[in-house]
Amino acid sequence: MKREGAVTVSMGEDVVVVKREGVSTATVAVILGNLVKDGVEIVCLDRLVHAPYETEFIGWTVRGAVTTLLTRPAVIDCST
C-alpha cells in the first residue's frame, strides 16, 4: 500500500492543477462542471487526477473511476 503524500489543489476558473510533494510535474485537468448541493461543493474533472489508493487531497475528498470528482463542504461567501 502506498502512502498518501501531500497534494495541493489549485482551482482556476476552467482548470484544476494538482501538485504532489516530491514530484516535479503537475497534473492539469479541465473542469467539466461544478455545483453546490446540500451544502457540498462538487467539481467534475475531465480525467483522473488521483490514484486508486488516494481518497483525500488537502481539503478535498476524491473519487471516481473514469474522471475525478472533487467534493468538499461548500464555502459560503458572506462578503456581499
PDB file of N, CA and C in Angstrom:
ATOM      1  N   MET A   1       0.846  -1.179   0.000  1.00  0.00           N
ATOM      2  CA  MET A   1       0.000   0.000   0.000  1.00  0.00           C
ATOM      3  C   MET A   1       0.891   1.242   0.000  1.00  0.00           C
ATOM      4  N   LYS A   2       0.553   2.175  -0.831  1.00  0.00           N
ATOM      5  CA  LYS A   2       1.334   3.399  -0.926  1.00  0.00           C
ATOM      6  C   LYS A   2       0.865   4.416   0.095  1.00  0.00           C
ATOM      7  N   ARG A   3       1.780   5.258   0.525  1.00  0.00           N
ATOM      8  CA  ARG A   3       1.477   6.316   1.464  1.00  0.00           C
ATOM      9  C   ARG A   3       0.905   7.505   0.704  1.00  0.00           C
ATOM     10  N   GLU A   4      -0.146   8.114   1.272  1.00  0.00           N
ATOM     11  CA  GLU A   4      -0.694   9.320   0.674  1.00  0.00           C
ATOM     12  C   GLU A   4       0.195  10.490   1.060  1.00  0.00           C
ATOM     13  N   GLY A   5       0.827  11.117   0.079  1.00  0.00           N
ATOM     14  CA  GLY A   5       1.686  12.261   0.332  1.00  0.00           C
ATOM     15  C   GLY A   5       0.902  13.548   0.271  1.00  0.00           C
ATOM     16  N   ALA A   6       1.593  14.636   0.520  1.00  0.00           N
ATOM     17  CA  ALA A   6       0.953  15.951   0.476  1.00  0.00           C
ATOM     18  C   ALA A   6       0.626  16.308  -0.969  1.00  0.00           C
ATOM     19  N   VAL A   7      -0.606  16.694  -1.189  1.00  0.00           N
ATOM     20  CA  VAL A   7      -1.085  17.071  -2.511  1.00  0.00           C
ATOM     21  C   VAL A   7      -1.749  18.429  -2.399  1.00  0.00           C
ATOM     22  N   THR A   8      -1.389  19.361  -3.293  1.00  0.00           N
ATOM     23  CA  THR A   8      -2.064  20.652  -3.307  1.00  0.00           C
ATOM     24  C   THR A   8      -2.949  20.722  -4.545  1.00  0.00           C
ATOM     25  N   VAL A   9      -4.101  21.343  -4.367  1.00  0.00           N
ATOM     26  CA  VAL A   9      -5.068  21.508  -5.449  1.00  0.00           C
ATOM     27  C   VAL A   9      -5.267  23.001  -5.661  1.00  0.00           C
ATOM     28  N   SER A  10      -4.946  23.475  -6.858  1.00  0.00           N
ATOM     29  CA  SER A  10      -5.149  24.878  -7.207  1.00  0.00           C
ATOM     30  C   SER A  10      -6.307  24.949  -8.189  1.00  0.00           C
ATOM     31  N   MET A  11      -7.341  25.674  -7.794  1.00  0.00           N
ATOM     32  CA  MET A  11      -8.564  25.747  -8.591  1.00  0.00           C
ATOM     33  C   MET A  11      -8.566  27.040  -9.380  1.00  0.00           C
ATOM     34  N   GLY A  12      -8.618  26.920 -10.697  1.00  0.00           N
ATOM     35  CA  GLY A  12      -8.779  28.070 -11.565  1.00  0.00           C
ATOM     36  C   GLY A  12     -10.226  28.173 -11.997  1.00  0.00           C
ATOM     37  N   GLU A  13     -10.501  29.042 -12.947  1.00  0.00           N
ATOM     38  CA  GLU A  13     -11.865  29.180 -13.436  1.00  0.00           C
ATOM     39  C   GLU A  13     -12.264  27.989 -14.307  1.00  0.00           C
ATOM     40  N   ASP A  14     -11.329  27.509 -15.131  1.00  0.00           N
ATOM     41  CA  ASP A  14     -11.622  26.418 -16.064  1.00  0.00           C
ATOM     42  C   ASP A  14     -10.779  25.166 -15.850  1.00  0.00           C
ATOM     43  N   VAL A  15      -9.728  25.257 -15.045  1.00  0.00           N
ATOM     44  CA  VAL A  15      -8.834  24.122 -14.838  1.00  0.00           C
ATOM     45  C   VAL A  15      -8.493  23.943 -13.362  1.00  0.00           C
ATOM     46  N   VAL A  16      -8.038  22.727 -13.058  1.00  0.00           N
ATOM     47  CA  VAL A  16      -7.527  22.390 -11.737  1.00  0.00           C
ATOM     48  C   VAL A  16      -6.101  21.890 -11.929  1.00  0.00           C
ATOM     49  N   VAL A  17      -5.195  22.339 -11.066  1.00  0.00           N
ATOM     50  CA  VAL A  17      -3.813  21.882 -11.103  1.00  0.00           C
ATOM     51  C   VAL A  17      -3.539  21.122  -9.810  1.00  0.00           C
ATOM     52  N   VAL A  18      -3.087  19.884  -9.942  1.00  0.00           N
ATOM     53  CA  VAL A  18      -2.785  19.031  -8.804  1.00  0.00           C
ATOM     54  C   VAL A  18      -1.271  18.840  -8.758  1.00  0.00           C
ATOM     55  N   LYS A  19      -0.671  19.186  -7.630  1.00  0.00           N
ATOM     56  CA  LYS A  19       0.777  19.080  -7.454  1.00  0.00           C
ATOM     57  C   LYS A  19       1.065  18.178  -6.271  1.00  0.00           C
ATOM     58  N   ARG A  20       1.900  17.170  -6.507  1.00  0.00           N
ATOM     59  CA  ARG A  20       2.269  16.228  -5.455  1.00  0.00           C
ATOM     60  C   ARG A  20       3.652  16.550  -4.905  1.00  0.00           C
ATOM     61  N   GLU A  21       3.784  16.397  -3.620  1.00  0.00           N
ATOM     62  CA  GLU A  21       5.066  16.598  -2.949  1.00  0.00           C
ATOM     63  C   GLU A  21       6.088  15.608  -3.501  1.00  0.00           C
ATOM     64  N   GLY A  22       7.259  16.111  -3.879  1.00  0.00           N
ATOM     65  CA  GLY A  22       8.323  15.249  -4.374  1.00  0.00           C
ATOM     66  C   GLY A  22       8.245  14.916  -5.855  1.00  0.00           C
ATOM     67  N   VAL A  23       7.259  15.454  -6.561  1.00  0.00           N
ATOM     68  CA  VAL A  23       7.102  15.213  -7.994  1.00  0.00           C
ATOM     69  C   VAL A  23       7.249  16.542  -8.711  1.00  0.00           C
ATOM     70  N   SER A  24       8.083  16.575  -9.745  1.00  0.00           N
ATOM     71  CA  SER A  24       8.378  17.845 -10.401  1.00  0.00           C
ATOM     72  C   SER A  24       7.298  18.312 -11.374  1.00  0.00           C
ATOM     73  N   THR A  25       6.449  17.400 -11.829  1.00  0.00           N
ATOM     74  CA  THR A  25       5.406  17.792 -12.776  1.00  0.00           C
ATOM     75  C   THR A  25       4.052  17.883 -12.074  1.00  0.00           C
ATOM     76  N   ALA A  26       3.186  18.706 -12.627  1.00  0.00           N
ATOM     77  CA  ALA A  26       1.834  18.861 -12.092  1.00  0.00           C
ATOM     78  C   ALA A  26       0.846  18.192 -13.042  1.00  0.00           C
ATOM     79  N   THR A  27      -0.296  17.825 -12.516  1.00  0.00           N
ATOM     80  CA  THR A  27      -1.376  17.271 -13.334  1.00  0.00           C
ATOM     81  C   THR A  27      -2.415  18.367 -13.526  1.00  0.00           C
ATOM     82  N   VAL A  28      -2.790  18.607 -14.781  1.00  0.00           N
ATOM     83  CA  VAL A  28      -3.772  19.640 -15.104  1.00  0.00           C
ATOM     84  C   VAL A  28      -5.007  18.958 -15.675  1.00  0.00           C
ATOM     85  N   ALA A  29      -6.182  19.351 -15.181  1.00  0.00           N
ATOM     86  CA  ALA A  29      -7.438  18.796 -15.679  1.00  0.00           C
ATOM     87  C   ALA A  29      -8.427  19.930 -15.918  1.00  0.00           C
ATOM     88  N   VAL A  30      -9.243  19.760 -16.929  1.00  0.00           N
ATOM     89  CA  VAL A  30     -10.282  20.733 -17.254  1.00  0.00           C
ATOM     90  C   VAL A  30     -11.501  20.459 -16.374  1.00  0.00           C
ATOM     91  N   ILE A  31     -12.104  21.519 -15.879  1.00  0.00           N
ATOM     92  CA  ILE A  31     -13.325  21.394 -15.087  1.00  0.00           C
ATOM     93  C   ILE A  31     -14.501  21.226 -16.055  1.00  0.00           C
ATOM     94  N   LEU A  32     -15.178  20.084 -15.973  1.00  0.00           N
ATOM     95  CA  LEU A  32     -16.335  19.834 -16.821  1.00  0.00           C
ATOM     96  C   LEU A  32     -17.589  20.498 -16.249  1.00  0.00           C
ATOM     97  N   GLY A  33     -17.642  20.615 -14.954  1.00  0.00           N
ATOM     98  CA  GLY A  33     -18.791  21.234 -14.313  1.00  0.00           C
ATOM     99  C   GLY A  33     -18.610  21.265 -12.814  1.00  0.00           C
ATOM    100  N   ASN A  34     -19.334  22.152 -12.174  1.00  0.00           N
ATOM    101  CA  ASN A  34     -19.325  22.195 -10.718  1.00  0.00           C
ATOM    102  C   ASN A  34     -20.692  22.650 -10.227  1.00  0.00           C
ATOM    103  N   LEU A  35     -21.015  22.214  -9.012  1.00  0.00           N
ATOM    104  CA  LEU A  35     -22.284  22.602  -8.424  1.00  0.00           C
ATOM    105  C   LEU A  35     -22.193  22.493  -6.921  1.00  0.00           C
ATOM    106  N   VAL A  36     -23.146  23.127  -6.264  1.00  0.00           N
ATOM    107  CA  VAL A  36     -23.275  23.021  -4.819  1.00  0.00           C
ATOM    108  C   VAL A  36     -24.641  22.411  -4.556  1.00  0.00           C
ATOM    109  N   LYS A  37     -24.653  21.306  -3.808  1.00  0.00           N
ATOM    110  CA  LYS A  37     -25.904  20.632  -3.492  1.00  0.00           C
ATOM    111  C   LYS A  37     -25.848  20.149  -2.054  1.00  0.00           C
ATOM    112  N   ASP A  38     -26.875  20.493  -1.301  1.00  0.00           N
ATOM    113  CA  ASP A  38     -26.981  20.078   0.097  1.00  0.00           C
ATOM    114  C   ASP A  38     -25.733  20.457   0.904  1.00  0.00           C
ATOM    115  N   GLY A  39     -25.184  21.635   0.625  1.00  0.00           N
ATOM    116  CA  GLY A  39     -24.035  22.125   1.369  1.00  0.00           C
ATOM    117  C   GLY A  39     -22.701  21.510   0.974  1.00  0.00           C
ATOM    118  N   VAL A  40     -22.666  20.811  -0.161  1.00  0.00           N
ATOM    119  CA  VAL A  40     -21.434  20.175  -0.640  1.00  0.00           C
ATOM    120  C   VAL A  40     -21.096  20.718  -2.020  1.00  0.00           C
ATOM    121  N   GLU A  41     -19.842  21.157  -2.178  1.00  0.00           N
ATOM    122  CA  GLU A  41     -19.347  21.596  -3.482  1.00  0.00           C
ATOM    123  C   GLU A  41     -18.809  20.377  -4.224  1.00  0.00           C
ATOM    124  N   ILE A  42     -19.221  20.200  -5.474  1.00  0.00           N
ATOM    125  CA  ILE A  42     -18.788  19.069  -6.295  1.00  0.00           C
ATOM    126  C   ILE A  42     -18.175  19.618  -7.577  1.00  0.00           C
ATOM    127  N   VAL A  43     -16.961  19.161  -7.889  1.00  0.00           N
ATOM    128  CA  VAL A  43     -16.273  19.582  -9.105  1.00  0.00           C
ATOM    129  C   VAL A  43     -15.935  18.323  -9.899  1.00  0.00           C
ATOM    130  N   CYS A  44     -16.411  18.267 -11.155  1.00  0.00           N
ATOM    131  CA  CYS A  44     -16.152  17.126 -12.029  1.00  0.00           C
ATOM    132  C   CYS A  44     -15.043  17.491 -13.013  1.00  0.00           C
ATOM    133  N   LEU A  45     -14.012  16.656 -13.069  1.00  0.00           N
ATOM    134  CA  LEU A  45     -12.865  16.904 -13.942  1.00  0.00           C
ATOM    135  C   LEU A  45     -12.922  16.009 -15.175  1.00  0.00           C
ATOM    136  N   ASP A  46     -12.163  16.353 -16.197  1.00  0.00           N
ATOM    137  CA  ASP A  46     -12.191  15.608 -17.456  1.00  0.00           C
ATOM    138  C   ASP A  46     -11.288  14.380 -17.468  1.00  0.00           C
ATOM    139  N   ARG A  47     -10.600  14.107 -16.391  1.00  0.00           N
ATOM    140  CA  ARG A  47      -9.678  12.966 -16.327  1.00  0.00           C
ATOM    141  C   ARG A  47      -9.466  12.561 -14.873  1.00  0.00           C
ATOM    142  N   LEU A  48      -8.843  11.434 -14.681  1.00  0.00           N
ATOM    143  CA  LEU A  48      -8.452  11.017 -13.338  1.00  0.00           C
ATOM    144  C   LEU A  48      -7.212  11.793 -12.917  1.00  0.00           C
ATOM    145  N   VAL A  49      -7.252  12.357 -11.745  1.00  0.00           N
ATOM    146  CA  VAL A  49      -6.070  13.035 -11.207  1.00  0.00           C
ATOM    147  C   VAL A  49      -5.641  12.394  -9.892  1.00  0.00           C
ATOM    148  N   HIS A  50      -6.330  11.331  -9.483  1.00  0.00           N
ATOM    149  CA  HIS A  50      -5.983  10.636  -8.253  1.00  0.00           C
ATOM    150  C   HIS A  50      -5.667   9.168  -8.549  1.00  0.00           C
ATOM    151  N   ALA A  51      -4.877   8.592  -7.678  1.00  0.00           N
ATOM    152  CA  ALA A  51      -4.534   7.175  -7.785  1.00  0.00           C
ATOM    153  C   ALA A  51      -5.600   6.355  -7.042  1.00  0.00           C
ATOM    154  N   PRO A  52      -5.722   5.062  -7.342  1.00  0.00           N
ATOM    155  CA  PRO A  52      -6.755   4.239  -6.692  1.00  0.00           C
ATOM    156  C   PRO A  52      -6.674   4.232  -5.167  1.00  0.00           C
ATOM    157  N   TYR A  53      -5.497   4.379  -4.607  1.00  0.00           N
ATOM    158  CA  TYR A  53      -5.331   4.357  -3.147  1.00  0.00           C
ATOM    159  C   TYR A  53      -5.591   5.717  -2.499  1.00  0.00           C
ATOM    160  N   GLU A  54      -5.745   6.773  -3.287  1.00  0.00           N
ATOM    161  CA  GLU A  54      -5.966   8.100  -2.730  1.00  0.00           C
ATOM    162  C   GLU A  54      -7.461   8.354  -2.529  1.00  0.00           C
ATOM    163  N   THR A  55      -7.802   8.839  -1.350  1.00  0.00           N
ATOM    164  CA  THR A  55      -9.191   9.160  -1.041  1.00  0.00           C
ATOM    165  C   THR A  55      -9.370  10.628  -0.673  1.00  0.00           C
ATOM    166  N   GLU A  56      -8.280  11.291  -0.334  1.00  0.00           N
ATOM    167  CA  GLU A  56      -8.345  12.696   0.061  1.00  0.00           C
ATOM    168  C   GLU A  56      -7.135  13.459  -0.420  1.00  0.00           C
ATOM    169  N   PHE A  57      -7.383  14.679  -0.857  1.00  0.00           N
ATOM    170  CA  PHE A  57      -6.344  15.682  -1.051  1.00  0.00           C
ATOM    171  C   PHE A  57      -6.619  16.718   0.035  1.00  0.00           C
ATOM    172  N   ILE A  58      -5.691  17.580   0.302  1.00  0.00           N
ATOM    173  CA  ILE A  58      -5.883  18.566   1.353  1.00  0.00           C
ATOM    174  C   ILE A  58      -7.151  19.369   1.081  1.00  0.00           C
ATOM    175  N   GLY A  59      -8.161  19.186   1.931  1.00  0.00           N
ATOM    176  CA  GLY A  59      -9.414  19.918   1.810  1.00  0.00           C
ATOM    177  C   GLY A  59     -10.436  19.307   0.874  1.00  0.00           C
ATOM    178  N   TRP A  60     -10.091  18.265   0.142  1.00  0.00           N
ATOM    179  CA  TRP A  60     -10.997  17.659  -0.833  1.00  0.00           C
ATOM    180  C   TRP A  60     -11.082  16.152  -0.629  1.00  0.00           C
ATOM    181  N   THR A  61     -12.257  15.596  -0.833  1.00  0.00           N
ATOM    182  CA  THR A  61     -12.428  14.154  -0.957  1.00  0.00           C
ATOM    183  C   THR A  61     -12.396  13.855  -2.447  1.00  0.00           C
ATOM    184  N   VAL A  62     -11.688  12.796  -2.848  1.00  0.00           N
ATOM    185  CA  VAL A  62     -11.574  12.447  -4.268  1.00  0.00           C
ATOM    186  C   VAL A  62     -12.131  11.057  -4.503  1.00  0.00           C
ATOM    187  N   ARG A  63     -12.803  10.895  -5.655  1.00  0.00           N
ATOM    188  CA  ARG A  63     -13.324   9.586  -6.043  1.00  0.00           C
ATOM    189  C   ARG A  63     -13.580   9.592  -7.538  1.00  0.00           C
ATOM    190  N   GLY A  64     -13.796   8.414  -8.079  1.00  0.00           N
ATOM    191  CA  GLY A  64     -14.120   8.289  -9.495  1.00  0.00           C
ATOM    192  C   GLY A  64     -13.311   7.196 -10.148  1.00  0.00           C
ATOM    193  N   ALA A  65     -13.898   6.592 -11.201  1.00  0.00           N
ATOM    194  CA  ALA A  65     -13.241   5.516 -11.932  1.00  0.00           C
ATOM    195  C   ALA A  65     -12.775   5.965 -13.311  1.00  0.00           C
ATOM    196  N   VAL A  66     -13.471   6.921 -13.906  1.00  0.00           N
ATOM    197  CA  VAL A  66     -13.129   7.405 -15.234  1.00  0.00           C
ATOM    198  C   VAL A  66     -12.688   8.864 -15.175  1.00  0.00           C
ATOM    199  N   THR A  67     -13.360   9.637 -14.362  1.00  0.00           N
ATOM    200  CA  THR A  67     -12.979  11.019 -14.107  1.00  0.00           C
ATOM    201  C   THR A  67     -12.932  11.214 -12.601  1.00  0.00           C
ATOM    202  N   THR A  68     -12.246  12.242 -12.152  1.00  0.00           N
ATOM    203  CA  THR A  68     -12.186  12.530 -10.730  1.00  0.00           C
ATOM    204  C   THR A  68     -13.300  13.490 -10.352  1.00  0.00           C
ATOM    205  N   LEU A  69     -13.981  13.166  -9.252  1.00  0.00           N
ATOM    206  CA  LEU A  69     -14.921  14.081  -8.634  1.00  0.00           C
ATOM    207  C   LEU A  69     -14.279  14.583  -7.355  1.00  0.00           C
ATOM    208  N   LEU A  70     -14.155  15.891  -7.248  1.00  0.00           N
ATOM    209  CA  LEU A  70     -13.652  16.519  -6.029  1.00  0.00           C
ATOM    210  C   LEU A  70     -14.861  17.012  -5.239  1.00  0.00           C
ATOM    211  N   THR A  71     -14.921  16.714  -3.949  1.00  0.00           N
ATOM    212  CA  THR A  71     -16.010  17.208  -3.114  1.00  0.00           C
ATOM    213  C   THR A  71     -15.445  17.771  -1.823  1.00  0.00           C
ATOM    214  N   ARG A  72     -16.151  18.779  -1.302  1.00  0.00           N
ATOM    215  CA  ARG A  72     -15.801  19.371  -0.009  1.00  0.00           C
ATOM    216  C   ARG A  72     -17.022  20.149   0.477  1.00  0.00           C
ATOM    217  N   PRO A  73     -17.062  20.463   1.767  1.00  0.00           N
ATOM    218  CA  PRO A  73     -18.149  21.303   2.247  1.00  0.00           C
ATOM    219  C   PRO A  73     -18.142  22.631   1.504  1.00  0.00           C
ATOM    220  N   ALA A  74     -19.312  23.118   1.147  1.00  0.00           N
ATOM    221  CA  ALA A  74     -19.414  24.376   0.396  1.00  0.00           C
ATOM    222  C   ALA A  74     -18.948  25.546   1.252  1.00  0.00           C
ATOM    223  N   VAL A  75     -18.235  26.450   0.612  1.00  0.00           N
ATOM    224  CA  VAL A  75     -17.780  27.675   1.261  1.00  0.00           C
ATOM    225  C   VAL A  75     -18.830  28.741   1.006  1.00  0.00           C
ATOM    226  N   ILE A  76     -19.337  29.335   2.072  1.00  0.00           N
ATOM    227  CA  ILE A  76     -20.348  30.364   1.942  1.00  0.00           C
ATOM    228  C   ILE A  76     -19.671  31.729   1.951  1.00  0.00           C
ATOM    229  N   ASP A  77     -19.924  32.510   0.927  1.00  0.00           N
ATOM    230  CA  ASP A  77     -19.338  33.856   0.796  1.00  0.00           C
ATOM    231  C   ASP A  77     -20.263  34.860   1.477  1.00  0.00           C
ATOM    232  N   CYS A  78     -19.827  35.394   2.595  1.00  0.00           N
ATOM    233  CA  CYS A  78     -20.634  36.357   3.363  1.00  0.00           C
ATOM    234  C   CYS A  78     -20.181  37.798   3.124  1.00  0.00           C
ATOM    235  N   SER A  79     -19.339  38.013   2.114  1.00  0.00           N
ATOM    236  CA  SER A  79     -18.787  39.355   1.891  1.00  0.00           C
ATOM    237  C   SER A  79     -19.757  40.275   1.163  1.00  0.00           C
ATOM    238  N   THR A  80     -20.821  39.760   0.588  1.00  0.00           N
ATOM    239  CA  THR A  80     -21.751  40.616  -0.150  1.00  0.00           C
ATOM    240  C   THR A  80     -22.974  40.946   0.662  1.00  0.00           C
TER     241      THR A  80
END
